[in-house]
């Protein structure tokens, strides 16, 4: 069974998971978690990419992983 976006009125396929911590005013967008959890929200790509948080909150996008090694373009 595929998962869909948690935003009302959106039936897009979920590609990311939103997690948040009220006490620290932080929200994280991560790759879609393997299993759904009642304390997280699945989002489609459009809603994950355009997510904004309240003023004073911090948003961390953890979907992009930096490469372990950098390749040099110099010859």
C-alpha atoms as a PDB file:
ATOM      1  CA  UNK A   1       0.000   0.000   0.000  1.00  0.00           C
ATOM      2  CA  UNK A   2       1.517   3.334  -1.053  1.00  0.00           C
ATOM      3  CA  UNK A   3       1.373   6.334   1.249  1.00  0.00           C
ATOM      4  CA  UNK A   4      -0.039   9.701   0.249  1.00  0.00           C
ATOM      5  CA  UNK A   5       0.599  13.273   1.288  1.00  0.00           C
ATOM      6  CA  UNK A   6      -0.890  14.292   4.636  1.00  0.00           C
ATOM      7  CA  UNK A   7      -1.882  17.763   3.387  1.00  0.00           C
ATOM      8  CA  UNK A   8      -5.662  18.087   3.106  1.00  0.00           C
ATOM      9  CA  UNK A   9      -6.868  17.808  -0.478  1.00  0.00           C
ATOM     10  CA  UNK A  10      -3.564  16.411  -1.784  1.00  0.00           C
ATOM     11  CA  UNK A  11      -3.391  12.863  -3.055  1.00  0.00           C
ATOM     12  CA  UNK A  12       0.227  13.030  -4.201  1.00  0.00           C
ATOM     13  CA  UNK A  13       2.568  10.155  -3.442  1.00  0.00           C
ATOM     14  CA  UNK A  14       4.522  10.673  -0.223  1.00  0.00           C
ATOM     15  CA  UNK A  15       8.280  11.126  -0.702  1.00  0.00           C
ATOM     16  CA  UNK A  16       9.266  12.796   2.589  1.00  0.00           C
ATOM     17  CA  UNK A  17       8.433  12.679   6.286  1.00  0.00           C
ATOM     18  CA  UNK A  18       7.923  15.748   8.464  1.00  0.00           C
ATOM     19  CA  UNK A  19       8.872  15.504  12.132  1.00  0.00           C
ATOM     20  CA  UNK A  20       8.835  18.327  14.639  1.00  0.00           C
ATOM     21  CA  UNK A  21       9.795  19.194  18.208  1.00  0.00           C
ATOM     22  CA  UNK A  22       7.640  21.903  19.764  1.00  0.00           C
ATOM     23  CA  UNK A  23       9.924  22.410  22.772  1.00  0.00           C
ATOM     24  CA  UNK A  24      12.929  23.236  20.567  1.00  0.00           C
ATOM     25  CA  UNK A  25      10.895  24.889  17.790  1.00  0.00           C
ATOM     26  CA  UNK A  26      12.508  22.706  15.163  1.00  0.00           C
ATOM     27  CA  UNK A  27      11.054  20.800  12.228  1.00  0.00           C
ATOM     28  CA  UNK A  28      12.806  18.234  10.043  1.00  0.00           C
ATOM     29  CA  UNK A  29      12.001  17.087   6.532  1.00  0.00           C
ATOM     30  CA  UNK A  30      13.616  13.726   5.881  1.00  0.00           C
ATOM     31  CA  UNK A  31      13.429  11.012   3.274  1.00  0.00           C
ATOM     32  CA  UNK A  32      10.231   9.013   3.565  1.00  0.00           C
ATOM     33  CA  UNK A  33      10.439   6.860   6.672  1.00  0.00           C
ATOM     34  CA  UNK A  34      10.118   3.108   6.095  1.00  0.00           C
ATOM     35  CA  UNK A  35       7.002   2.900   8.259  1.00  0.00           C
ATOM     36  CA  UNK A  36       4.305   5.483   8.988  1.00  0.00           C
ATOM     37  CA  UNK A  37       4.135   6.801  12.542  1.00  0.00           C
ATOM     38  CA  UNK A  38       1.235   8.698  14.170  1.00  0.00           C
ATOM     39  CA  UNK A  39       3.572  11.496  15.341  1.00  0.00           C
ATOM     40  CA  UNK A  40       4.953  12.292  11.865  1.00  0.00           C
ATOM     41  CA  UNK A  41       3.440  13.513   8.602  1.00  0.00           C
ATOM     42  CA  UNK A  42       4.146  12.171   5.130  1.00  0.00           C
ATOM     43  CA  UNK A  43       4.472  14.787   2.393  1.00  0.00           C
ATOM     44  CA  UNK A  44       4.601  14.763  -1.394  1.00  0.00           C
ATOM     45  CA  UNK A  45       7.559  16.421  -3.097  1.00  0.00           C
ATOM     46  CA  UNK A  46       5.714  19.682  -3.788  1.00  0.00           C
ATOM     47  CA  UNK A  47       4.630  20.171  -0.190  1.00  0.00           C
ATOM     48  CA  UNK A  48       7.987  19.072   1.241  1.00  0.00           C
ATOM     49  CA  UNK A  49       9.854  21.494  -1.049  1.00  0.00           C
ATOM     50  CA  UNK A  50       7.575  24.437  -0.203  1.00  0.00           C
ATOM     51  CA  UNK A  51       7.226  23.826   3.517  1.00  0.00           C
ATOM     52  CA  UNK A  52       7.554  26.845   5.781  1.00  0.00           C
ATOM     53  CA  UNK A  53       7.634  26.944   9.567  1.00  0.00           C
ATOM     54  CA  UNK A  54       6.384  29.570  12.015  1.00  0.00           C
ATOM     55  CA  UNK A  55       8.559  32.582  12.772  1.00  0.00           C
ATOM     56  CA  UNK A  56      11.174  31.655  15.353  1.00  0.00           C
ATOM     57  CA  UNK A  57      11.249  28.010  14.261  1.00  0.00           C
ATOM     58  CA  UNK A  58      14.099  26.308  12.424  1.00  0.00           C
ATOM     59  CA  UNK A  59      13.567  23.985   9.467  1.00  0.00           C
ATOM     60  CA  UNK A  60      16.185  21.378   8.596  1.00  0.00           C
ATOM     61  CA  UNK A  61      15.953  19.582   5.271  1.00  0.00           C
ATOM     62  CA  UNK A  62      17.713  16.279   5.790  1.00  0.00           C
ATOM     63  CA  UNK A  63      16.764  14.772   2.445  1.00  0.00           C
ATOM     64  CA  UNK A  64      19.992  15.896   0.795  1.00  0.00           C
ATOM     65  CA  UNK A  65      23.005  13.941   1.928  1.00  0.00           C
ATOM     66  CA  UNK A  66      26.443  15.393   1.256  1.00  0.00           C
ATOM     67  CA  UNK A  67      28.857  13.064  -0.530  1.00  0.00           C
ATOM     68  CA  UNK A  68      31.448  11.351   1.629  1.00  0.00           C
ATOM     69  CA  UNK A  69      34.239  12.277  -0.769  1.00  0.00           C
ATOM     70  CA  UNK A  70      34.578  15.293  -2.987  1.00  0.00           C
ATOM     71  CA  UNK A  71      35.963  14.827  -6.438  1.00  0.00           C
ATOM     72  CA  UNK A  72      38.361  17.417  -7.735  1.00  0.00           C
ATOM     73  CA  UNK A  73      37.617  19.025 -11.073  1.00  0.00           C
ATOM     74  CA  UNK A  74      41.250  20.099 -11.465  1.00  0.00           C
ATOM     75  CA  UNK A  75      43.385  17.898 -13.695  1.00  0.00           C
END
